[in-house]
Amino acid sequence: LGPDTGTIILRLTGGRASVKINDAIGDFEEVWDRSGELEIVGLPQGTYVTRIKSAEGTDRSTVASVAEKVCTYTFTLGGGSEEWNRDCQ
Protein backbone atom coordinates (compact mmCIF):
# COMPACT_ATOMS: atom_id res chain seq x y z
CA LEU A 1 0.00 0.00 0.00
CA GLY A 2 1.20 3.48 -0.82
CA PRO A 3 0.88 6.66 1.23
CA ASP A 4 -2.34 7.62 -0.60
CA THR A 5 -4.06 4.22 -0.77
CA GLY A 6 -5.67 1.75 1.60
CA THR A 7 -7.53 -1.54 1.56
CA ILE A 8 -11.24 -2.01 2.20
CA ILE A 9 -12.71 -5.39 3.14
CA LEU A 10 -16.49 -5.63 3.01
CA ARG A 11 -18.41 -8.37 4.79
CA LEU A 12 -22.12 -9.06 4.58
CA THR A 13 -23.82 -11.21 7.17
CA GLY A 14 -27.38 -12.48 7.36
CA GLY A 15 -28.08 -13.09 3.68
CA ARG A 16 -27.31 -12.14 0.10
CA ALA A 17 -27.28 -8.71 -1.47
CA SER A 18 -25.94 -6.68 -4.34
CA VAL A 19 -23.50 -3.98 -3.24
CA LYS A 20 -22.57 -1.06 -5.47
CA ILE A 21 -19.63 1.16 -4.48
CA ASN A 22 -19.01 4.60 -6.01
CA ASP A 23 -16.65 7.43 -5.22
CA ALA A 24 -18.02 10.96 -4.90
CA ILE A 25 -17.31 11.94 -8.52
CA GLY A 26 -18.31 8.61 -10.05
CA ASP A 27 -15.04 7.48 -11.61
CA PHE A 28 -14.79 4.33 -9.48
CA GLU A 29 -17.49 1.68 -9.38
CA GLU A 30 -17.48 -1.87 -8.08
CA VAL A 31 -20.51 -4.16 -8.05
CA TRP A 32 -20.45 -7.15 -5.73
CA ASP A 33 -23.24 -9.70 -6.04
CA ARG A 34 -22.64 -12.34 -3.41
CA SER A 35 -22.56 -12.94 0.30
CA GLY A 36 -19.22 -13.31 2.04
CA GLU A 37 -16.31 -10.95 1.68
CA LEU A 38 -14.94 -8.51 -0.92
CA GLU A 39 -11.40 -7.13 -0.64
CA ILE A 40 -10.38 -4.02 -2.61
CA VAL A 41 -6.62 -3.44 -2.35
CA GLY A 42 -4.90 -0.15 -3.20
CA LEU A 43 -8.07 1.95 -3.19
CA PRO A 44 -7.32 5.70 -3.27
CA GLN A 45 -7.82 7.35 0.09
CA GLY A 46 -11.27 8.87 0.44
CA THR A 47 -14.94 8.27 1.16
CA TYR A 48 -17.05 5.96 -0.96
CA VAL A 49 -20.83 5.60 -1.12
CA THR A 50 -22.35 2.12 -0.97
CA ARG A 51 -25.83 1.02 -2.00
CA ILE A 52 -26.86 -2.34 -0.56
CA LYS A 53 -29.86 -3.99 -2.22
CA SER A 54 -31.32 -7.04 -0.51
CA ALA A 55 -34.67 -8.71 -0.02
CA GLU A 56 -35.22 -6.34 2.93
CA GLY A 57 -34.81 -3.23 0.77
CA THR A 58 -32.06 -0.76 -0.10
CA ASP A 59 -29.62 0.81 2.33
CA ARG A 60 -27.18 3.60 1.53
CA SER A 61 -24.09 4.14 3.64
CA THR A 62 -20.47 5.26 3.33
CA VAL A 63 -17.10 3.56 3.77
CA ALA A 64 -13.65 5.17 3.80
CA SER A 65 -10.29 4.09 2.48
CA VAL A 66 -7.58 5.17 4.95
CA ALA A 67 -4.00 5.54 3.73
CA GLU A 68 -1.75 2.60 4.61
CA LYS A 69 -4.54 0.88 6.61
CA VAL A 70 -6.78 -2.12 6.13
CA CYS A 71 -10.36 -1.22 7.08
CA THR A 72 -12.90 -3.99 7.50
CA TYR A 73 -16.57 -3.01 7.21
CA THR A 74 -19.35 -5.40 8.25
CA PHE A 75 -23.03 -4.94 7.42
CA THR A 76 -25.73 -7.20 8.87
CA LEU A 77 -28.66 -7.61 6.51
CA GLY A 78 -32.05 -7.41 8.18
CA GLY A 79 -30.46 -6.42 11.47
CA GLY A 80 -31.85 -2.89 11.57
CA SER A 81 -28.41 -1.37 10.99
CA GLU A 82 -28.05 1.64 8.72
CA GLU A 83 -24.26 1.88 8.83
CA TRP A 84 -21.29 -0.41 8.25
CA ASN A 85 -19.45 -1.44 11.41
CA ARG A 86 -15.81 -0.32 10.88
CA ASP A 87 -12.52 -1.73 12.19
CA CYS A 88 -9.26 -0.21 10.83
CA GLN A 89 -5.79 -1.61 11.48
PDB file of N, CA and C in Angstrom:
ATOM      1  N   LEU A   1       0.835  -1.187   0.000  1.00  0.00           N
ATOM      2  CA  LEU A   1       0.000   0.000   0.000  1.00  0.00           C
ATOM      3  C   LEU A   1       0.874   1.242   0.000  1.00  0.00           C
ATOM      4  N   GLY A   2       0.461   2.231  -0.761  1.00  0.00           N
ATOM      5  CA  GLY A   2       1.199   3.479  -0.816  1.00  0.00           C
ATOM      6  C   GLY A   2       0.667   4.480   0.189  1.00  0.00           C
ATOM      7  N   PRO A   3       1.301   5.650   0.258  1.00  0.00           N
ATOM      8  CA  PRO A   3       0.880   6.659   1.231  1.00  0.00           C
ATOM      9  C   PRO A   3      -0.496   7.260   0.946  1.00  0.00           C
ATOM     10  N   ASP A   4      -1.027   7.054  -0.247  1.00  0.00           N
ATOM     11  CA  ASP A   4      -2.344   7.618  -0.596  1.00  0.00           C
ATOM     12  C   ASP A   4      -3.397   6.555  -0.865  1.00  0.00           C
ATOM     13  N   THR A   5      -3.100   5.288  -0.525  1.00  0.00           N
ATOM     14  CA  THR A   5      -4.064   4.218  -0.767  1.00  0.00           C
ATOM     15  C   THR A   5      -4.244   3.358   0.473  1.00  0.00           C
ATOM     16  N   GLY A   6      -5.374   2.674   0.517  1.00  0.00           N
ATOM     17  CA  GLY A   6      -5.672   1.754   1.596  1.00  0.00           C
ATOM     18  C   GLY A   6      -6.407   0.547   1.046  1.00  0.00           C
ATOM     19  N   THR A   7      -6.776  -0.339   1.929  1.00  0.00           N
ATOM     20  CA  THR A   7      -7.532  -1.536   1.558  1.00  0.00           C
ATOM     21  C   THR A   7      -8.854  -1.523   2.307  1.00  0.00           C
ATOM     22  N   ILE A   8      -9.920  -1.860   1.596  1.00  0.00           N
ATOM     23  CA  ILE A   8     -11.242  -2.006   2.203  1.00  0.00           C
ATOM     24  C   ILE A   8     -11.666  -3.459   2.057  1.00  0.00           C
ATOM     25  N   ILE A   9     -12.107  -4.052   3.151  1.00  0.00           N
ATOM     26  CA  ILE A   9     -12.707  -5.386   3.138  1.00  0.00           C
ATOM     27  C   ILE A   9     -14.160  -5.218   3.545  1.00  0.00           C
ATOM     28  N   LEU A  10     -15.061  -5.703   2.705  1.00  0.00           N
ATOM     29  CA  LEU A  10     -16.494  -5.626   3.008  1.00  0.00           C
ATOM     30  C   LEU A  10     -17.009  -7.018   3.328  1.00  0.00           C
ATOM     31  N   ARG A  11     -17.783  -7.107   4.403  1.00  0.00           N
ATOM     32  CA  ARG A  11     -18.407  -8.375   4.793  1.00  0.00           C
ATOM     33  C   ARG A  11     -19.890  -8.159   4.959  1.00  0.00           C
ATOM     34  N   LEU A  12     -20.669  -9.052   4.366  1.00  0.00           N
ATOM     35  CA  LEU A  12     -22.117  -9.064   4.576  1.00  0.00           C
ATOM     36  C   LEU A  12     -22.457 -10.271   5.423  1.00  0.00           C
ATOM     37  N   THR A  13     -23.327 -10.078   6.396  1.00  0.00           N
ATOM     38  CA  THR A  13     -23.816 -11.208   7.169  1.00  0.00           C
ATOM     39  C   THR A  13     -25.339 -11.208   7.114  1.00  0.00           C
ATOM     40  N   GLY A  14     -25.922 -12.369   7.263  1.00  0.00           N
ATOM     41  CA  GLY A  14     -27.375 -12.478   7.356  1.00  0.00           C
ATOM     42  C   GLY A  14     -28.095 -12.611   6.031  1.00  0.00           C
ATOM     43  N   GLY A  15     -27.387 -12.892   4.947  1.00  0.00           N
ATOM     44  CA  GLY A  15     -28.082 -13.086   3.677  1.00  0.00           C
ATOM     45  C   GLY A  15     -27.269 -12.650   2.480  1.00  0.00           C
ATOM     46  N   ARG A  16     -27.953 -12.529   1.350  1.00  0.00           N
ATOM     47  CA  ARG A  16     -27.311 -12.144   0.097  1.00  0.00           C
ATOM     48  C   ARG A  16     -27.797 -10.775  -0.326  1.00  0.00           C
ATOM     49  N   ALA A  17     -26.911 -10.041  -0.989  1.00  0.00           N
ATOM     50  CA  ALA A  17     -27.284  -8.711  -1.467  1.00  0.00           C
ATOM     51  C   ALA A  17     -26.362  -8.316  -2.608  1.00  0.00           C
ATOM     52  N   SER A  18     -26.778  -7.321  -3.339  1.00  0.00           N
ATOM     53  CA  SER A  18     -25.943  -6.678  -4.338  1.00  0.00           C
ATOM     54  C   SER A  18     -25.421  -5.392  -3.711  1.00  0.00           C
ATOM     55  N   VAL A  19     -24.105  -5.183  -3.801  1.00  0.00           N
ATOM     56  CA  VAL A  19     -23.502  -3.977  -3.235  1.00  0.00           C
ATOM     57  C   VAL A  19     -22.821  -3.206  -4.354  1.00  0.00           C
ATOM     58  N   LYS A  20     -23.179  -1.932  -4.483  1.00  0.00           N
ATOM     59  CA  LYS A  20     -22.573  -1.058  -5.469  1.00  0.00           C
ATOM     60  C   LYS A  20     -21.781   0.006  -4.724  1.00  0.00           C
ATOM     61  N   ILE A  21     -20.526   0.221  -5.143  1.00  0.00           N
ATOM     62  CA  ILE A  21     -19.632   1.158  -4.482  1.00  0.00           C
ATOM     63  C   ILE A  21     -19.220   2.218  -5.495  1.00  0.00           C
ATOM     64  N   ASN A  22     -19.397   3.494  -5.140  1.00  0.00           N
ATOM     65  CA  ASN A  22     -19.009   4.603  -6.011  1.00  0.00           C
ATOM     66  C   ASN A  22     -18.221   5.626  -5.215  1.00  0.00           C
ATOM     67  N   ASP A  23     -17.260   6.283  -5.889  1.00  0.00           N
ATOM     68  CA  ASP A  23     -16.650   7.433  -5.218  1.00  0.00           C
ATOM     69  C   ASP A  23     -17.505   8.665  -5.485  1.00  0.00           C
ATOM     70  N   ALA A  24     -17.172   9.758  -4.860  1.00  0.00           N
ATOM     71  CA  ALA A  24     -18.018  10.957  -4.904  1.00  0.00           C
ATOM     72  C   ALA A  24     -18.205  11.510  -6.318  1.00  0.00           C
ATOM     73  N   ILE A  25     -17.182  11.376  -7.173  1.00  0.00           N
ATOM     74  CA  ILE A  25     -17.309  11.939  -8.519  1.00  0.00           C
ATOM     75  C   ILE A  25     -17.634  10.886  -9.571  1.00  0.00           C
ATOM     76  N   GLY A  26     -17.806   9.642  -9.155  1.00  0.00           N
ATOM     77  CA  GLY A  26     -18.315   8.608 -10.047  1.00  0.00           C
ATOM     78  C   GLY A  26     -17.308   7.950 -10.966  1.00  0.00           C
ATOM     79  N   ASP A  27     -15.988   8.121 -10.715  1.00  0.00           N
ATOM     80  CA  ASP A  27     -15.042   7.484 -11.607  1.00  0.00           C
ATOM     81  C   ASP A  27     -14.567   6.121 -11.110  1.00  0.00           C
ATOM     82  N   PHE A  28     -15.068   5.675  -9.972  1.00  0.00           N
ATOM     83  CA  PHE A  28     -14.794   4.330  -9.483  1.00  0.00           C
ATOM     84  C   PHE A  28     -16.128   3.664  -9.198  1.00  0.00           C
ATOM     85  N   GLU A  29     -16.272   2.436  -9.667  1.00  0.00           N
ATOM     86  CA  GLU A  29     -17.487   1.680  -9.383  1.00  0.00           C
ATOM     87  C   GLU A  29     -17.134   0.215  -9.278  1.00  0.00           C
ATOM     88  N   GLU A  30     -17.658  -0.437  -8.277  1.00  0.00           N
ATOM     89  CA  GLU A  30     -17.479  -1.874  -8.081  1.00  0.00           C
ATOM     90  C   GLU A  30     -18.842  -2.438  -7.716  1.00  0.00           C
ATOM     91  N   VAL A  31     -19.248  -3.509  -8.380  1.00  0.00           N
ATOM     92  CA  VAL A  31     -20.514  -4.159  -8.054  1.00  0.00           C
ATOM     93  C   VAL A  31     -20.186  -5.558  -7.537  1.00  0.00           C
ATOM     94  N   TRP A  32     -20.727  -5.882  -6.383  1.00  0.00           N
ATOM     95  CA  TRP A  32     -20.454  -7.152  -5.726  1.00  0.00           C
ATOM     96  C   TRP A  32     -21.784  -7.838  -5.509  1.00  0.00           C
ATOM     97  N   ASP A  33     -21.943  -9.029  -6.068  1.00  0.00           N
ATOM     98  CA  ASP A  33     -23.241  -9.701  -6.037  1.00  0.00           C
ATOM     99  C   ASP A  33     -23.141 -11.079  -5.386  1.00  0.00           C
ATOM    100  N   ARG A  34     -22.678 -11.077  -4.129  1.00  0.00           N
ATOM    101  CA  ARG A  34     -22.642 -12.342  -3.405  1.00  0.00           C
ATOM    102  C   ARG A  34     -22.531 -12.073  -1.925  1.00  0.00           C
ATOM    103  N   SER A  35     -22.802 -13.080  -1.124  1.00  0.00           N
ATOM    104  CA  SER A  35     -22.556 -12.937   0.303  1.00  0.00           C
ATOM    105  C   SER A  35     -21.095 -13.279   0.555  1.00  0.00           C
ATOM    106  N   GLY A  36     -20.610 -13.015   1.737  1.00  0.00           N
ATOM    107  CA  GLY A  36     -19.218 -13.314   2.041  1.00  0.00           C
ATOM    108  C   GLY A  36     -18.406 -12.061   2.180  1.00  0.00           C
ATOM    109  N   GLU A  37     -17.267 -12.017   1.468  1.00  0.00           N
ATOM    110  CA  GLU A  37     -16.306 -10.947   1.685  1.00  0.00           C
ATOM    111  C   GLU A  37     -15.756 -10.444   0.354  1.00  0.00           C
ATOM    112  N   LEU A  38     -15.556  -9.140   0.250  1.00  0.00           N
ATOM    113  CA  LEU A  38     -14.937  -8.513  -0.919  1.00  0.00           C
ATOM    114  C   LEU A  38     -13.765  -7.686  -0.424  1.00  0.00           C
ATOM    115  N   GLU A  39     -12.587  -7.880  -1.026  1.00  0.00           N
ATOM    116  CA  GLU A  39     -11.402  -7.129  -0.641  1.00  0.00           C
ATOM    117  C   GLU A  39     -10.961  -6.260  -1.817  1.00  0.00           C
ATOM    118  N   ILE A  40     -10.848  -4.954  -1.585  1.00  0.00           N
ATOM    119  CA  ILE A  40     -10.382  -4.019  -2.607  1.00  0.00           C
ATOM    120  C   ILE A  40      -9.062  -3.444  -2.105  1.00  0.00           C
ATOM    121  N   VAL A  41      -7.960  -3.824  -2.771  1.00  0.00           N
ATOM    122  CA  VAL A  41      -6.621  -3.439  -2.352  1.00  0.00           C
ATOM    123  C   VAL A  41      -6.153  -2.236  -3.162  1.00  0.00           C
ATOM    124  N   GLY A  42      -5.472  -1.294  -2.511  1.00  0.00           N
ATOM    125  CA  GLY A  42      -4.903  -0.152  -3.201  1.00  0.00           C
ATOM    126  C   GLY A  42      -5.934   0.874  -3.634  1.00  0.00           C
ATOM    127  N   LEU A  43      -7.001   0.996  -2.873  1.00  0.00           N
ATOM    128  CA  LEU A  43      -8.066   1.947  -3.192  1.00  0.00           C
ATOM    129  C   LEU A  43      -7.628   3.346  -2.762  1.00  0.00           C
ATOM    130  N   PRO A  44      -7.716   4.343  -3.657  1.00  0.00           N
ATOM    131  CA  PRO A  44      -7.316   5.696  -3.274  1.00  0.00           C
ATOM    132  C   PRO A  44      -8.029   6.161  -2.009  1.00  0.00           C
ATOM    133  N   GLN A  45      -7.276   6.845  -1.158  1.00  0.00           N
ATOM    134  CA  GLN A  45      -7.822   7.346   0.095  1.00  0.00           C
ATOM    135  C   GLN A  45      -9.029   8.234  -0.176  1.00  0.00           C
ATOM    136  N   GLY A  46     -10.080   8.053   0.597  1.00  0.00           N
ATOM    137  CA  GLY A  46     -11.273   8.870   0.444  1.00  0.00           C
ATOM    138  C   GLY A  46     -12.510   8.145   0.914  1.00  0.00           C
ATOM    139  N   THR A  47     -13.645   8.803   0.746  1.00  0.00           N
ATOM    140  CA  THR A  47     -14.938   8.273   1.164  1.00  0.00           C
ATOM    141  C   THR A  47     -15.690   7.749  -0.051  1.00  0.00           C
ATOM    142  N   TYR A  48     -16.316   6.612   0.104  1.00  0.00           N
ATOM    143  CA  TYR A  48     -17.055   5.962  -0.965  1.00  0.00           C
ATOM    144  C   TYR A  48     -18.484   5.695  -0.501  1.00  0.00           C
ATOM    145  N   VAL A  49     -19.420   5.824  -1.413  1.00  0.00           N
ATOM    146  CA  VAL A  49     -20.832   5.600  -1.119  1.00  0.00           C
ATOM    147  C   VAL A  49     -21.178   4.175  -1.513  1.00  0.00           C
ATOM    148  N   THR A  50     -21.899   3.472  -0.642  1.00  0.00           N
ATOM    149  CA  THR A  50     -22.353   2.120  -0.966  1.00  0.00           C
ATOM    150  C   THR A  50     -23.872   2.094  -1.019  1.00  0.00           C
ATOM    151  N   ARG A  51     -24.385   1.280  -1.919  1.00  0.00           N
ATOM    152  CA  ARG A  51     -25.828   1.017  -1.996  1.00  0.00           C
ATOM    153  C   ARG A  51     -25.991  -0.491  -1.887  1.00  0.00           C
ATOM    154  N   ILE A  52     -26.692  -0.921  -0.858  1.00  0.00           N
ATOM    155  CA  ILE A  52     -26.859  -2.339  -0.559  1.00  0.00           C
ATOM    156  C   ILE A  52     -28.303  -2.711  -0.857  1.00  0.00           C
ATOM    157  N   LYS A  53     -28.506  -3.565  -1.868  1.00  0.00           N
ATOM    158  CA  LYS A  53     -29.859  -3.993  -2.225  1.00  0.00           C
ATOM    159  C   LYS A  53     -30.038  -5.449  -1.828  1.00  0.00           C
ATOM    160  N   SER A  54     -31.023  -5.684  -0.961  1.00  0.00           N
ATOM    161  CA  SER A  54     -31.317  -7.041  -0.514  1.00  0.00           C
ATOM    162  C   SER A  54     -32.822  -7.244  -0.520  1.00  0.00           C
ATOM    163  N   ALA A  55     -33.247  -8.421  -0.093  1.00  0.00           N
ATOM    164  CA  ALA A  55     -34.672  -8.711  -0.018  1.00  0.00           C
ATOM    165  C   ALA A  55     -35.379  -7.765   0.962  1.00  0.00           C
ATOM    166  N   GLU A  56     -34.644  -7.238   1.932  1.00  0.00           N
ATOM    167  CA  GLU A  56     -35.222  -6.337   2.934  1.00  0.00           C
ATOM    168  C   GLU A  56     -35.365  -4.904   2.422  1.00  0.00           C
ATOM    169  N   GLY A  57     -34.745  -4.585   1.301  1.00  0.00           N
ATOM    170  CA  GLY A  57     -34.812  -3.225   0.767  1.00  0.00           C
ATOM    171  C   GLY A  57     -33.444  -2.708   0.395  1.00  0.00           C
ATOM    172  N   THR A  58     -33.315  -1.389   0.289  1.00  0.00           N
ATOM    173  CA  THR A  58     -32.064  -0.757  -0.102  1.00  0.00           C
ATOM    174  C   THR A  58     -31.554   0.131   1.013  1.00  0.00           C
ATOM    175  N   ASP A  59     -30.275  -0.025   1.334  1.00  0.00           N
ATOM    176  CA  ASP A  59     -29.616   0.808   2.335  1.00  0.00           C
ATOM    177  C   ASP A  59     -28.480   1.558   1.662  1.00  0.00           C
ATOM    178  N   ARG A  60     -28.303   2.820   2.022  1.00  0.00           N
ATOM    179  CA  ARG A  60     -27.175   3.603   1.533  1.00  0.00           C
ATOM    180  C   ARG A  60     -26.314   3.978   2.736  1.00  0.00           C
ATOM    181  N   SER A  61     -25.015   3.843   2.563  1.00  0.00           N
ATOM    182  CA  SER A  61     -24.087   4.142   3.640  1.00  0.00           C
ATOM    183  C   SER A  61     -22.726   4.452   3.031  1.00  0.00           C
ATOM    184  N   THR A  62     -21.795   4.950   3.839  1.00  0.00           N
ATOM    185  CA  THR A  62     -20.470   5.265   3.328  1.00  0.00           C
ATOM    186  C   THR A  62     -19.409   4.393   3.980  1.00  0.00           C
ATOM    187  N   VAL A  63     -18.307   4.208   3.256  1.00  0.00           N
ATOM    188  CA  VAL A  63     -17.105   3.564   3.768  1.00  0.00           C
ATOM    189  C   VAL A  63     -15.939   4.476   3.402  1.00  0.00           C
ATOM    190  N   ALA A  64     -14.807   4.323   4.084  1.00  0.00           N
ATOM    191  CA  ALA A  64     -13.654   5.168   3.802  1.00  0.00           C
ATOM    192  C   ALA A  64     -12.414   4.315   3.635  1.00  0.00           C
ATOM    193  N   SER A  65     -11.610   4.675   2.644  1.00  0.00           N
ATOM    194  CA  SER A  65     -10.287   4.092   2.476  1.00  0.00           C
ATOM    195  C   SER A  65      -9.316   5.000   3.218  1.00  0.00           C
ATOM    196  N   VAL A  66      -8.530   4.420   4.127  1.00  0.00           N
ATOM    197  CA  VAL A  66      -7.585   5.170   4.947  1.00  0.00           C
ATOM    198  C   VAL A  66      -6.184   4.794   4.502  1.00  0.00           C
ATOM    199  N   ALA A  67      -5.350   5.785   4.237  1.00  0.00           N
ATOM    200  CA  ALA A  67      -3.997   5.540   3.727  1.00  0.00           C
ATOM    201  C   ALA A  67      -3.227   4.573   4.614  1.00  0.00           C
ATOM    202  N   GLU A  68      -2.620   3.581   3.969  1.00  0.00           N
ATOM    203  CA  GLU A  68      -1.751   2.598   4.613  1.00  0.00           C
ATOM    204  C   GLU A  68      -2.442   1.764   5.683  1.00  0.00           C
ATOM    205  N   LYS A  69      -3.774   1.678   5.640  1.00  0.00           N
ATOM    206  CA  LYS A  69      -4.542   0.883   6.607  1.00  0.00           C
ATOM    207  C   LYS A  69      -5.418  -0.118   5.883  1.00  0.00           C
ATOM    208  N   VAL A  70      -5.775  -1.170   6.590  1.00  0.00           N
ATOM    209  CA  VAL A  70      -6.781  -2.121   6.129  1.00  0.00           C
ATOM    210  C   VAL A  70      -8.019  -1.902   6.991  1.00  0.00           C
ATOM    211  N   CYS A  71      -9.109  -1.481   6.354  1.00  0.00           N
ATOM    212  CA  CYS A  71     -10.357  -1.221   7.081  1.00  0.00           C
ATOM    213  C   CYS A  71     -11.385  -2.287   6.708  1.00  0.00           C
ATOM    214  N   THR A  72     -11.891  -2.968   7.704  1.00  0.00           N
ATOM    215  CA  THR A  72     -12.901  -3.990   7.501  1.00  0.00           C
ATOM    216  C   THR A  72     -14.258  -3.408   7.894  1.00  0.00           C
ATOM    217  N   TYR A  73     -15.216  -3.509   6.982  1.00  0.00           N
ATOM    218  CA  TYR A  73     -16.573  -3.012   7.214  1.00  0.00           C
ATOM    219  C   TYR A  73     -17.523  -4.201   7.178  1.00  0.00           C
ATOM    220  N   THR A  74     -18.385  -4.313   8.185  1.00  0.00           N
ATOM    221  CA  THR A  74     -19.350  -5.401   8.255  1.00  0.00           C
ATOM    222  C   THR A  74     -20.758  -4.816   8.287  1.00  0.00           C
ATOM    223  N   PHE A  75     -21.637  -5.377   7.463  1.00  0.00           N
ATOM    224  CA  PHE A  75     -23.030  -4.939   7.424  1.00  0.00           C
ATOM    225  C   PHE A  75     -23.904  -6.168   7.634  1.00  0.00           C
ATOM    226  N   THR A  76     -24.824  -6.092   8.595  1.00  0.00           N
ATOM    227  CA  THR A  76     -25.727  -7.200   8.873  1.00  0.00           C
ATOM    228  C   THR A  76     -27.062  -6.931   8.199  1.00  0.00           C
ATOM    229  N   LEU A  77     -27.392  -7.756   7.224  1.00  0.00           N
ATOM    230  CA  LEU A  77     -28.656  -7.606   6.507  1.00  0.00           C
ATOM    231  C   LEU A  77     -29.818  -7.961   7.413  1.00  0.00           C
ATOM    232  N   GLY A  78     -30.857  -7.144   7.393  1.00  0.00           N
ATOM    233  CA  GLY A  78     -32.048  -7.410   8.185  1.00  0.00           C
ATOM    234  C   GLY A  78     -31.860  -7.191   9.662  1.00  0.00           C
ATOM    235  N   GLY A  79     -30.734  -6.609  10.052  1.00  0.00           N
ATOM    236  CA  GLY A  79     -30.461  -6.415  11.468  1.00  0.00           C
ATOM    237  C   GLY A  79     -30.817  -5.037  11.983  1.00  0.00           C
ATOM    238  N   GLY A  80     -31.447  -4.223  11.150  1.00  0.00           N
ATOM    239  CA  GLY A  80     -31.847  -2.892  11.570  1.00  0.00           C
ATOM    240  C   GLY A  80     -30.721  -1.870  11.522  1.00  0.00           C
ATOM    241  N   SER A  81     -29.536  -2.282  11.071  1.00  0.00           N
ATOM    242  CA  SER A  81     -28.406  -1.369  10.994  1.00  0.00           C
ATOM    243  C   SER A  81     -28.513  -0.497   9.754  1.00  0.00           C
ATOM    244  N   GLU A  82     -28.076   0.753   9.876  1.00  0.00           N
ATOM    245  CA  GLU A  82     -28.053   1.637   8.724  1.00  0.00           C
ATOM    246  C   GLU A  82     -26.630   2.003   8.335  1.00  0.00           C
ATOM    247  N   GLU A  83     -25.653   1.561   9.101  1.00  0.00           N
ATOM    248  CA  GLU A  83     -24.258   1.878   8.833  1.00  0.00           C
ATOM    249  C   GLU A  83     -23.412   0.607   8.871  1.00  0.00           C
ATOM    250  N   TRP A  84     -22.289   0.651   8.165  1.00  0.00           N
ATOM    251  CA  TRP A  84     -21.293  -0.408   8.251  1.00  0.00           C
ATOM    252  C   TRP A  84     -20.591  -0.292   9.599  1.00  0.00           C
ATOM    253  N   ASN A  85     -20.266  -1.403  10.204  1.00  0.00           N
ATOM    254  CA  ASN A  85     -19.453  -1.439  11.414  1.00  0.00           C
ATOM    255  C   ASN A  85     -17.997  -1.473  10.975  1.00  0.00           C
ATOM    256  N   ARG A  86     -17.166  -0.485  11.397  1.00  0.00           N
ATOM    257  CA  ARG A  86     -15.812  -0.324  10.882  1.00  0.00           C
ATOM    258  C   ARG A  86     -14.752  -0.714  11.899  1.00  0.00           C
ATOM    259  N   ASP A  87     -13.697  -1.397  11.403  1.00  0.00           N
ATOM    260  CA  ASP A  87     -12.517  -1.728  12.190  1.00  0.00           C
ATOM    261  C   ASP A  87     -11.303  -1.508  11.293  1.00  0.00           C
ATOM    262  N   CYS A  88     -10.452  -0.515  11.621  1.00  0.00           N
ATOM    263  CA  CYS A  88      -9.256  -0.214  10.826  1.00  0.00           C
ATOM    264  C   CYS A  88      -7.996  -0.610  11.597  1.00  0.00           C
ATOM    265  N   GLN A  89      -7.063  -1.226  10.876  1.00  0.00           N
ATOM    266  CA  GLN A  89      -5.787  -1.605  11.481  1.00  0.00           C
ATOM    267  C   GLN A  89      -4.649  -1.279  10.548  1.00  0.00           C
TER     268      GLN A  89
END
